[in-house]
Amino acid sequence: MKIMPCPLNGPRNISEFTYGGEVLDLPAPDCDNATWIDYVYLENNTAGVVREWWYHTATAYWFIAERDTRTDEIFKTYPANEVFKDRVEFTAPQTTSEPKE
């Protein structure tokens, strides 16, 4: 049985978790659509140690794990706020539309 050390819940069976993708730098909110598409849909698929998002399904808890993708060894898990200190506020783009006649 494979165990994942959850920072909130302690060691748990890996079946309780969902992989959420690589931890990537967030693009600027005003970047072009191609940059957002790359951020959302493309992965580096690095062979070696990477930082990844993981989700503990039972408690709805997101955290970060450092894992070797070649061996599947988990080196470290920690709360996301150790990496992401500031909250990012997103606002809907302001549009001006005139009534259609």
PDB file of N, CA and C in Angstrom:
ATOM      1  N   MET A   1       0.850  -1.171   0.000  1.00  0.00           N
ATOM      2  CA  MET A   1       0.000   0.000   0.000  1.00  0.00           C
ATOM      3  C   MET A   1       0.901   1.242   0.000  1.00  0.00           C
ATOM      4  N   LYS A   2       0.651   2.158  -0.925  1.00  0.00           N
ATOM      5  CA  LYS A   2       1.415   3.408  -1.020  1.00  0.00           C
ATOM      6  C   LYS A   2       0.795   4.443  -0.074  1.00  0.00           C
ATOM      7  N   ILE A   3       1.663   5.153   0.649  1.00  0.00           N
ATOM      8  CA  ILE A   3       1.221   6.146   1.641  1.00  0.00           C
ATOM      9  C   ILE A   3       1.676   7.538   1.196  1.00  0.00           C
ATOM     10  N   MET A   4       0.787   8.508   1.349  1.00  0.00           N
ATOM     11  CA  MET A   4       1.107   9.918   1.091  1.00  0.00           C
ATOM     12  C   MET A   4       1.049  10.638   2.432  1.00  0.00           C
ATOM     13  N   PRO A   5       2.117  11.348   2.817  1.00  0.00           N
ATOM     14  CA  PRO A   5       2.077  12.106   4.068  1.00  0.00           C
ATOM     15  C   PRO A   5       1.352  13.446   3.859  1.00  0.00           C
ATOM     16  N   CYS A   6       0.105  13.512   4.267  1.00  0.00           N
ATOM     17  CA  CYS A   6      -0.690  14.737   4.123  1.00  0.00           C
ATOM     18  C   CYS A   6      -0.289  15.713   5.228  1.00  0.00           C
ATOM     19  N   PRO A   7      -0.018  16.988   4.882  1.00  0.00           N
ATOM     20  CA  PRO A   7       0.372  17.953   5.912  1.00  0.00           C
ATOM     21  C   PRO A   7      -0.747  18.248   6.924  1.00  0.00           C
ATOM     22  N   LEU A   8      -1.992  18.007   6.540  1.00  0.00           N
ATOM     23  CA  LEU A   8      -3.114  18.278   7.440  1.00  0.00           C
ATOM     24  C   LEU A   8      -3.530  17.035   8.220  1.00  0.00           C
ATOM     25  N   ASN A   9      -3.540  15.888   7.552  1.00  0.00           N
ATOM     26  CA  ASN A   9      -4.123  14.674   8.122  1.00  0.00           C
ATOM     27  C   ASN A   9      -3.130  13.573   8.465  1.00  0.00           C
ATOM     28  N   GLY A  10      -1.854  13.794   8.196  1.00  0.00           N
ATOM     29  CA  GLY A  10      -0.857  12.761   8.469  1.00  0.00           C
ATOM     30  C   GLY A  10      -0.817  11.726   7.353  1.00  0.00           C
ATOM     31  N   PRO A  11      -0.138  10.605   7.582  1.00  0.00           N
ATOM     32  CA  PRO A  11      -0.005   9.579   6.548  1.00  0.00           C
ATOM     33  C   PRO A  11      -1.355   8.961   6.194  1.00  0.00           C
ATOM     34  N   ARG A  12      -1.647   8.934   4.876  1.00  0.00           N
ATOM     35  CA  ARG A  12      -2.921   8.399   4.395  1.00  0.00           C
ATOM     36  C   ARG A  12      -2.667   7.535   3.162  1.00  0.00           C
ATOM     37  N   ASN A  13      -3.583   6.642   2.867  1.00  0.00           N
ATOM     38  CA  ASN A  13      -3.498   5.816   1.674  1.00  0.00           C
ATOM     39  C   ASN A  13      -3.562   6.711   0.437  1.00  0.00           C
ATOM     40  N   ILE A  14      -2.718   6.438  -0.553  1.00  0.00           N
ATOM     41  CA  ILE A  14      -2.644   7.269  -1.758  1.00  0.00           C
ATOM     42  C   ILE A  14      -3.984   7.333  -2.493  1.00  0.00           C
ATOM     43  N   SER A  15      -4.839   6.345  -2.300  1.00  0.00           N
ATOM     44  CA  SER A  15      -6.143   6.343  -2.972  1.00  0.00           C
ATOM     45  C   SER A  15      -7.047   7.486  -2.503  1.00  0.00           C
ATOM     46  N   GLU A  16      -6.704   8.141  -1.399  1.00  0.00           N
ATOM     47  CA  GLU A  16      -7.498   9.262  -0.893  1.00  0.00           C
ATOM     48  C   GLU A  16      -7.149  10.588  -1.572  1.00  0.00           C
ATOM     49  N   PHE A  17      -6.171  10.577  -2.484  1.00  0.00           N
ATOM     50  CA  PHE A  17      -5.660  11.813  -3.076  1.00  0.00           C
ATOM     51  C   PHE A  17      -5.890  11.869  -4.576  1.00  0.00           C
ATOM     52  N   THR A  18      -5.949  13.089  -5.072  1.00  0.00           N
ATOM     53  CA  THR A  18      -6.059  13.341  -6.507  1.00  0.00           C
ATOM     54  C   THR A  18      -4.923  14.257  -6.921  1.00  0.00           C
ATOM     55  N   TYR A  19      -4.232  13.878  -7.987  1.00  0.00           N
ATOM     56  CA  TYR A  19      -3.149  14.682  -8.545  1.00  0.00           C
ATOM     57  C   TYR A  19      -3.740  15.936  -9.187  1.00  0.00           C
ATOM     58  N   GLY A  20      -3.110  17.093  -8.940  1.00  0.00           N
ATOM     59  CA  GLY A  20      -3.633  18.348  -9.462  1.00  0.00           C
ATOM     60  C   GLY A  20      -2.738  19.045 -10.463  1.00  0.00           C
ATOM     61  N   GLY A  21      -1.626  18.454 -10.831  1.00  0.00           N
ATOM     62  CA  GLY A  21      -0.735  19.073 -11.817  1.00  0.00           C
ATOM     63  C   GLY A  21       0.492  19.688 -11.176  1.00  0.00           C
ATOM     64  N   GLU A  22       1.386  20.131 -12.040  1.00  0.00           N
ATOM     65  CA  GLU A  22       2.627  20.751 -11.581  1.00  0.00           C
ATOM     66  C   GLU A  22       2.357  22.126 -10.976  1.00  0.00           C
ATOM     67  N   VAL A  23       3.171  22.514 -10.021  1.00  0.00           N
ATOM     68  CA  VAL A  23       3.114  23.864  -9.476  1.00  0.00           C
ATOM     69  C   VAL A  23       3.862  24.768 -10.447  1.00  0.00           C
ATOM     70  N   LEU A  24       3.145  25.702 -11.022  1.00  0.00           N
ATOM     71  CA  LEU A  24       3.720  26.615 -12.011  1.00  0.00           C
ATOM     72  C   LEU A  24       3.550  28.052 -11.546  1.00  0.00           C
ATOM     73  N   ASP A  25       4.411  28.930 -12.032  1.00  0.00           N
ATOM     74  CA  ASP A  25       4.255  30.350 -11.748  1.00  0.00           C
ATOM     75  C   ASP A  25       3.007  30.865 -12.440  1.00  0.00           C
ATOM     76  N   LEU A  26       2.206  31.604 -11.718  1.00  0.00           N
ATOM     77  CA  LEU A  26       0.976  32.163 -12.251  1.00  0.00           C
ATOM     78  C   LEU A  26       1.298  33.276 -13.238  1.00  0.00           C
ATOM     79  N   PRO A  27       0.733  33.232 -14.442  1.00  0.00           N
ATOM     80  CA  PRO A  27       0.983  34.322 -15.384  1.00  0.00           C
ATOM     81  C   PRO A  27       0.290  35.607 -14.931  1.00  0.00           C
ATOM     82  N   ALA A  28       0.708  36.702 -15.488  1.00  0.00           N
ATOM     83  CA  ALA A  28       0.092  37.990 -15.171  1.00  0.00           C
ATOM     84  C   ALA A  28      -1.388  37.951 -15.557  1.00  0.00           C
ATOM     85  N   PRO A  29      -2.257  38.535 -14.733  1.00  0.00           N
ATOM     86  CA  PRO A  29      -3.693  38.489 -15.033  1.00  0.00           C
ATOM     87  C   PRO A  29      -4.053  39.105 -16.385  1.00  0.00           C
ATOM     88  N   ASP A  30      -3.233  40.005 -16.875  1.00  0.00           N
ATOM     89  CA  ASP A  30      -3.557  40.662 -18.150  1.00  0.00           C
ATOM     90  C   ASP A  30      -2.814  40.051 -19.340  1.00  0.00           C
ATOM     91  N   CYS A  31      -2.300  38.830 -19.187  1.00  0.00           N
ATOM     92  CA  CYS A  31      -1.552  38.194 -20.284  1.00  0.00           C
ATOM     93  C   CYS A  31      -2.505  37.791 -21.412  1.00  0.00           C
ATOM     94  N   ASP A  32      -1.934  37.426 -22.536  1.00  0.00           N
ATOM     95  CA  ASP A  32      -2.766  37.049 -23.689  1.00  0.00           C
ATOM     96  C   ASP A  32      -3.358  35.648 -23.505  1.00  0.00           C
ATOM     97  N   ASN A  33      -4.328  35.316 -24.336  1.00  0.00           N
ATOM     98  CA  ASN A  33      -5.024  34.034 -24.220  1.00  0.00           C
ATOM     99  C   ASN A  33      -4.092  32.847 -24.398  1.00  0.00           C
ATOM    100  N   ALA A  34      -3.119  32.940 -25.292  1.00  0.00           N
ATOM    101  CA  ALA A  34      -2.194  31.823 -25.524  1.00  0.00           C
ATOM    102  C   ALA A  34      -1.409  31.482 -24.256  1.00  0.00           C
ATOM    103  N   THR A  35      -1.019  32.497 -23.512  1.00  0.00           N
ATOM    104  CA  THR A  35      -0.283  32.265 -22.268  1.00  0.00           C
ATOM    105  C   THR A  35      -1.168  31.553 -21.244  1.00  0.00           C
ATOM    106  N   TRP A  36      -2.425  31.972 -21.117  1.00  0.00           N
ATOM    107  CA  TRP A  36      -3.352  31.314 -20.192  1.00  0.00           C
ATOM    108  C   TRP A  36      -3.621  29.881 -20.621  1.00  0.00           C
ATOM    109  N   ILE A  37      -3.760  29.649 -21.913  1.00  0.00           N
ATOM    110  CA  ILE A  37      -4.003  28.294 -22.406  1.00  0.00           C
ATOM    111  C   ILE A  37      -2.824  27.391 -22.055  1.00  0.00           C
ATOM    112  N   ASP A  38      -1.606  27.876 -22.276  1.00  0.00           N
ATOM    113  CA  ASP A  38      -0.412  27.103 -21.911  1.00  0.00           C
ATOM    114  C   ASP A  38      -0.394  26.800 -20.417  1.00  0.00           C
ATOM    115  N   TYR A  39      -0.723  27.787 -19.596  1.00  0.00           N
ATOM    116  CA  TYR A  39      -0.702  27.620 -18.138  1.00  0.00           C
ATOM    117  C   TYR A  39      -1.713  26.565 -17.686  1.00  0.00           C
ATOM    118  N   VAL A  40      -2.899  26.612 -18.252  1.00  0.00           N
ATOM    119  CA  VAL A  40      -3.973  25.723 -17.808  1.00  0.00           C
ATOM    120  C   VAL A  40      -3.825  24.300 -18.352  1.00  0.00           C
ATOM    121  N   TYR A  41      -3.423  24.157 -19.621  1.00  0.00           N
ATOM    122  CA  TYR A  41      -3.498  22.849 -20.266  1.00  0.00           C
ATOM    123  C   TYR A  41      -2.173  22.123 -20.505  1.00  0.00           C
ATOM    124  N   LEU A  42      -1.048  22.837 -20.525  1.00  0.00           N
ATOM    125  CA  LEU A  42       0.219  22.189 -20.844  1.00  0.00           C
ATOM    126  C   LEU A  42       1.031  21.916 -19.587  1.00  0.00           C
ATOM    127  N   GLU A  43       1.747  20.802 -19.586  1.00  0.00           N
ATOM    128  CA  GLU A  43       2.635  20.460 -18.483  1.00  0.00           C
ATOM    129  C   GLU A  43       4.037  20.231 -19.019  1.00  0.00           C
ATOM    130  N   ASN A  44       5.026  20.486 -18.180  1.00  0.00           N
ATOM    131  CA  ASN A  44       6.406  20.254 -18.580  1.00  0.00           C
ATOM    132  C   ASN A  44       6.729  18.771 -18.652  1.00  0.00           C
ATOM    133  N   ASN A  45       6.036  17.961 -17.840  1.00  0.00           N
ATOM    134  CA  ASN A  45       6.260  16.520 -17.806  1.00  0.00           C
ATOM    135  C   ASN A  45       7.722  16.187 -17.529  1.00  0.00           C
ATOM    136  N   THR A  46       8.285  16.858 -16.541  1.00  0.00           N
ATOM    137  CA  THR A  46       9.693  16.723 -16.178  1.00  0.00           C
ATOM    138  C   THR A  46       9.984  15.350 -15.584  1.00  0.00           C
ATOM    139  N   ALA A  47      11.084  14.754 -16.010  1.00  0.00           N
ATOM    140  CA  ALA A  47      11.551  13.512 -15.398  1.00  0.00           C
ATOM    141  C   ALA A  47      12.507  13.902 -14.278  1.00  0.00           C
ATOM    142  N   GLY A  48      12.102  13.659 -13.054  1.00  0.00           N
ATOM    143  CA  GLY A  48      12.908  14.043 -11.904  1.00  0.00           C
ATOM    144  C   GLY A  48      12.024  14.609 -10.812  1.00  0.00           C
ATOM    145  N   VAL A  49      12.623  15.351  -9.903  1.00  0.00           N
ATOM    146  CA  VAL A  49      11.890  15.901  -8.762  1.00  0.00           C
ATOM    147  C   VAL A  49      11.124  17.149  -9.203  1.00  0.00           C
ATOM    148  N   VAL A  50       9.827  17.144  -8.952  1.00  0.00           N
ATOM    149  CA  VAL A  50       8.959  18.268  -9.302  1.00  0.00           C
ATOM    150  C   VAL A  50       8.060  18.607  -8.118  1.00  0.00           C
ATOM    151  N   ARG A  51       7.590  19.845  -8.119  1.00  0.00           N
ATOM    152  CA  ARG A  51       6.577  20.262  -7.136  1.00  0.00           C
ATOM    153  C   ARG A  51       5.216  20.103  -7.801  1.00  0.00           C
ATOM    154  N   GLU A  52       4.296  19.462  -7.075  1.00  0.00           N
ATOM    155  CA  GLU A  52       2.986  19.158  -7.639  1.00  0.00           C
ATOM    156  C   GLU A  52       1.872  19.532  -6.662  1.00  0.00           C
ATOM    157  N   TRP A  53       0.722  19.864  -7.229  1.00  0.00           N
ATOM    158  CA  TRP A  53      -0.487  20.057  -6.439  1.00  0.00           C
ATOM    159  C   TRP A  53      -1.114  18.694  -6.171  1.00  0.00           C
ATOM    160  N   TRP A  54      -1.523  18.474  -4.920  1.00  0.00           N
ATOM    161  CA  TRP A  54      -2.267  17.274  -4.561  1.00  0.00           C
ATOM    162  C   TRP A  54      -3.467  17.685  -3.729  1.00  0.00           C
ATOM    163  N   TYR A  55      -4.534  16.906  -3.820  1.00  0.00           N
ATOM    164  CA  TYR A  55      -5.815  17.202  -3.176  1.00  0.00           C
ATOM    165  C   TYR A  55      -6.231  16.003  -2.338  1.00  0.00           C
ATOM    166  N   HIS A  56      -6.430  16.235  -1.035  1.00  0.00           N
ATOM    167  CA  HIS A  56      -6.959  15.171  -0.178  1.00  0.00           C
ATOM    168  C   HIS A  56      -8.477  15.232  -0.281  1.00  0.00           C
ATOM    169  N   THR A  57      -9.049  14.234  -0.940  1.00  0.00           N
ATOM    170  CA  THR A  57     -10.464  14.251  -1.289  1.00  0.00           C
ATOM    171  C   THR A  57     -11.381  14.285  -0.069  1.00  0.00           C
ATOM    172  N   ALA A  58     -11.062  13.544   0.954  1.00  0.00           N
ATOM    173  CA  ALA A  58     -11.946  13.453   2.128  1.00  0.00           C
ATOM    174  C   ALA A  58     -12.096  14.777   2.866  1.00  0.00           C
ATOM    175  N   THR A  59     -11.048  15.619   2.850  1.00  0.00           N
ATOM    176  CA  THR A  59     -11.110  16.882   3.595  1.00  0.00           C
ATOM    177  C   THR A  59     -11.063  18.114   2.695  1.00  0.00           C
ATOM    178  N   ALA A  60     -11.052  17.915   1.370  1.00  0.00           N
ATOM    179  CA  ALA A  60     -10.995  19.023   0.408  1.00  0.00           C
ATOM    180  C   ALA A  60      -9.802  19.940   0.681  1.00  0.00           C
ATOM    181  N   TYR A  61      -8.654  19.323   0.934  1.00  0.00           N
ATOM    182  CA  TYR A  61      -7.445  20.064   1.297  1.00  0.00           C
ATOM    183  C   TYR A  61      -6.411  19.974   0.169  1.00  0.00           C
ATOM    184  N   TRP A  62      -6.022  21.138  -0.362  1.00  0.00           N
ATOM    185  CA  TRP A  62      -4.975  21.227  -1.383  1.00  0.00           C
ATOM    186  C   TRP A  62      -3.629  21.480  -0.711  1.00  0.00           C
ATOM    187  N   PHE A  63      -2.594  20.812  -1.200  1.00  0.00           N
ATOM    188  CA  PHE A  63      -1.251  21.024  -0.675  1.00  0.00           C
ATOM    189  C   PHE A  63      -0.232  20.738  -1.772  1.00  0.00           C
ATOM    190  N   ILE A  64       1.033  20.926  -1.471  1.00  0.00           N
ATOM    191  CA  ILE A  64       2.104  20.719  -2.446  1.00  0.00           C
ATOM    192  C   ILE A  64       2.971  19.547  -2.002  1.00  0.00           C
ATOM    193  N   ALA A  65       3.348  18.737  -2.975  1.00  0.00           N
ATOM    194  CA  ALA A  65       4.261  17.614  -2.718  1.00  0.00           C
ATOM    195  C   ALA A  65       5.455  17.736  -3.649  1.00  0.00           C
ATOM    196  N   GLU A  66       6.616  17.377  -3.142  1.00  0.00           N
ATOM    197  CA  GLU A  66       7.808  17.256  -3.984  1.00  0.00           C
ATOM    198  C   GLU A  66       8.012  15.763  -4.206  1.00  0.00           C
ATOM    199  N   ARG A  67       7.964  15.371  -5.495  1.00  0.00           N
ATOM    200  CA  ARG A  67       7.962  13.949  -5.845  1.00  0.00           C
ATOM    201  C   ARG A  67       8.878  13.718  -7.036  1.00  0.00           C
ATOM    202  N   ASP A  68       9.575  12.590  -7.016  1.00  0.00           N
ATOM    203  CA  ASP A  68      10.404  12.191  -8.149  1.00  0.00           C
ATOM    204  C   ASP A  68       9.512  11.413  -9.111  1.00  0.00           C
ATOM    205  N   THR A  69       9.310  11.957 -10.310  1.00  0.00           N
ATOM    206  CA  THR A  69       8.414  11.319 -11.268  1.00  0.00           C
ATOM    207  C   THR A  69       8.998  10.029 -11.851  1.00  0.00           C
ATOM    208  N   ARG A  70      10.307   9.835 -11.717  1.00  0.00           N
ATOM    209  CA  ARG A  70      10.923   8.600 -12.225  1.00  0.00           C
ATOM    210  C   ARG A  70      10.713   7.434 -11.278  1.00  0.00           C
ATOM    211  N   THR A  71      10.772   7.693  -9.988  1.00  0.00           N
ATOM    212  CA  THR A  71      10.676   6.617  -8.991  1.00  0.00           C
ATOM    213  C   THR A  71       9.366   6.647  -8.202  1.00  0.00           C
ATOM    214  N   ASP A  72       8.604   7.735  -8.332  1.00  0.00           N
ATOM    215  CA  ASP A  72       7.357   7.968  -7.594  1.00  0.00           C
ATOM    216  C   ASP A  72       7.603   8.173  -6.101  1.00  0.00           C
ATOM    217  N   GLU A  73       8.844   8.444  -5.705  1.00  0.00           N
ATOM    218  CA  GLU A  73       9.167   8.695  -4.303  1.00  0.00           C
ATOM    219  C   GLU A  73       8.724  10.102  -3.910  1.00  0.00           C
ATOM    220  N   ILE A  74       8.036  10.212  -2.798  1.00  0.00           N
ATOM    221  CA  ILE A  74       7.582  11.499  -2.271  1.00  0.00           C
ATOM    222  C   ILE A  74       8.600  11.948  -1.234  1.00  0.00           C
ATOM    223  N   PHE A  75       9.205  13.110  -1.458  1.00  0.00           N
ATOM    224  CA  PHE A  75      10.239  13.612  -0.558  1.00  0.00           C
ATOM    225  C   PHE A  75       9.686  14.509   0.537  1.00  0.00           C
ATOM    226  N   LYS A  76       8.671  15.296   0.182  1.00  0.00           N
ATOM    227  CA  LYS A  76       8.191  16.304   1.128  1.00  0.00           C
ATOM    228  C   LYS A  76       6.781  16.723   0.726  1.00  0.00           C
ATOM    229  N   THR A  77       5.942  16.998   1.712  1.00  0.00           N
ATOM    230  CA  THR A  77       4.635  17.610   1.476  1.00  0.00           C
ATOM    231  C   THR A  77       4.494  18.784   2.433  1.00  0.00           C
ATOM    232  N   TYR A  78       3.804  19.828   1.977  1.00  0.00           N
ATOM    233  CA  TYR A  78       3.652  21.011   2.824  1.00  0.00           C
ATOM    234  C   TYR A  78       2.457  21.846   2.361  1.00  0.00           C
ATOM    235  N   PRO A  79       1.931  22.681   3.267  1.00  0.00           N
ATOM    236  CA  PRO A  79       0.799  23.537   2.911  1.00  0.00           C
ATOM    237  C   PRO A  79       1.187  24.524   1.800  1.00  0.00           C
ATOM    238  N   ALA A  80       0.255  24.847   0.948  1.00  0.00           N
ATOM    239  CA  ALA A  80       0.514  25.755  -0.173  1.00  0.00           C
ATOM    240  C   ALA A  80       0.928  27.144   0.290  1.00  0.00           C
ATOM    241  N   ASN A  81       0.502  27.555   1.484  1.00  0.00           N
ATOM    242  CA  ASN A  81       0.847  28.906   1.945  1.00  0.00           C
ATOM    243  C   ASN A  81       2.322  29.054   2.292  1.00  0.00           C
ATOM    244  N   GLU A  82       3.073  27.957   2.295  1.00  0.00           N
ATOM    245  CA  GLU A  82       4.526  28.075   2.450  1.00  0.00           C
ATOM    246  C   GLU A  82       5.170  28.605   1.170  1.00  0.00           C
ATOM    247  N   VAL A  83       4.515  28.439   0.046  1.00  0.00           N
ATOM    248  CA  VAL A  83       5.017  28.910  -1.245  1.00  0.00           C
ATOM    249  C   VAL A  83       4.285  30.176  -1.672  1.00  0.00           C
ATOM    250  N   PHE A  84       2.964  30.154  -1.526  1.00  0.00           N
ATOM    251  CA  PHE A  84       2.127  31.260  -1.990  1.00  0.00           C
ATOM    252  C   PHE A  84       1.700  32.096  -0.791  1.00  0.00           C
ATOM    253  N   LYS A  85       2.439  33.169  -0.540  1.00  0.00           N
ATOM    254  CA  LYS A  85       2.207  34.010   0.641  1.00  0.00           C
ATOM    255  C   LYS A  85       1.088  35.029   0.424  1.00  0.00           C
ATOM    256  N   ASP A  86       0.966  35.539  -0.806  1.00  0.00           N
ATOM    257  CA  ASP A  86       0.010  36.603  -1.089  1.00  0.00           C
ATOM    258  C   ASP A  86      -1.216  36.065  -1.806  1.00  0.00           C
ATOM    259  N   ARG A  87      -2.346  36.625  -1.474  1.00  0.00           N
ATOM    260  CA  ARG A  87      -3.583  36.275  -2.162  1.00  0.00           C
ATOM    261  C   ARG A  87      -3.650  37.050  -3.472  1.00  0.00           C
ATOM    262  N   VAL A  88      -4.062  36.404  -4.531  1.00  0.00           N
ATOM    263  CA  VAL A  88      -4.203  37.053  -5.837  1.00  0.00           C
ATOM    264  C   VAL A  88      -5.678  37.316  -6.064  1.00  0.00           C
ATOM    265  N   GLU A  89      -5.993  38.562  -6.295  1.00  0.00           N
ATOM    266  CA  GLU A  89      -7.382  38.945  -6.568  1.00  0.00           C
ATOM    267  C   GLU A  89      -7.583  39.055  -8.071  1.00  0.00           C
ATOM    268  N   PHE A  90      -8.603  38.413  -8.568  1.00  0.00           N
ATOM    269  CA  PHE A  90      -8.951  38.498  -9.978  1.00  0.00           C
ATOM    270  C   PHE A  90     -10.252  39.268 -10.101  1.00  0.00           C
ATOM    271  N   THR A  91     -10.304  40.127 -11.064  1.00  0.00           N
ATOM    272  CA  THR A  91     -11.539  40.866 -11.323  1.00  0.00           C
ATOM    273  C   THR A  91     -11.939  40.622 -12.765  1.00  0.00           C
ATOM    274  N   ALA A  92     -13.209  40.659 -12.986  1.00  0.00           N
ATOM    275  CA  ALA A  92     -13.713  40.493 -14.352  1.00  0.00           C
ATOM    276  C   ALA A  92     -13.299  41.698 -15.181  1.00  0.00           C
ATOM    277  N   PRO A  93     -12.940  41.469 -16.442  1.00  0.00           N
ATOM    278  CA  PRO A  93     -12.556  42.598 -17.288  1.00  0.00           C
ATOM    279  C   PRO A  93     -13.719  43.569 -17.453  1.00  0.00           C
ATOM    280  N   GLN A  94     -13.399  44.825 -17.434  1.00  0.00           N
ATOM    281  CA  GLN A  94     -14.420  45.854 -17.605  1.00  0.00           C
ATOM    282  C   GLN A  94     -14.747  45.977 -19.087  1.00  0.00           C
ATOM    283  N   THR A  95     -16.009  45.840 -19.409  1.00  0.00           N
ATOM    284  CA  THR A  95     -16.429  45.982 -20.800  1.00  0.00           C
ATOM    285  C   THR A  95     -17.438  47.100 -20.882  1.00  0.00           C
ATOM    286  N   THR A  96     -17.371  47.785 -21.949  1.00  0.00           N
ATOM    287  CA  THR A  96     -18.373  48.821 -22.196  1.00  0.00           C
ATOM    288  C   THR A  96     -19.169  48.384 -23.403  1.00  0.00           C
ATOM    289  N   SER A  97     -20.420  48.254 -23.193  1.00  0.00           N
ATOM    290  CA  SER A  97     -21.277  47.874 -24.309  1.00  0.00           C
ATOM    291  C   SER A  97     -22.428  48.851 -24.403  1.00  0.00           C
ATOM    292  N   GLU A  98     -22.663  49.249 -25.576  1.00  0.00           N
ATOM    293  CA  GLU A  98     -23.767  50.168 -25.798  1.00  0.00           C
ATOM    294  C   GLU A  98     -24.980  49.357 -26.206  1.00  0.00           C
ATOM    295  N   PRO A  99     -26.144  49.828 -25.831  1.00  0.00           N
ATOM    296  CA  PRO A  99     -27.360  49.077 -26.181  1.00  0.00           C
ATOM    297  C   PRO A  99     -27.489  48.938 -27.698  1.00  0.00           C
ATOM    298  N   LYS A 100     -27.897  47.731 -28.110  1.00  0.00           N
ATOM    299  CA  LYS A 100     -28.104  47.499 -29.541  1.00  0.00           C
ATOM    300  C   LYS A 100     -29.437  48.059 -29.954  1.00  0.00           C
ATOM    301  N   GLU A 101     -29.466  48.609 -31.126  1.00  0.00           N
ATOM    302  CA  GLU A 101     -30.716  49.195 -31.623  1.00  0.00           C
ATOM    303  C   GLU A 101     -31.446  48.246 -32.522  1.00  0.00           C
TER     304      GLU A 101
END
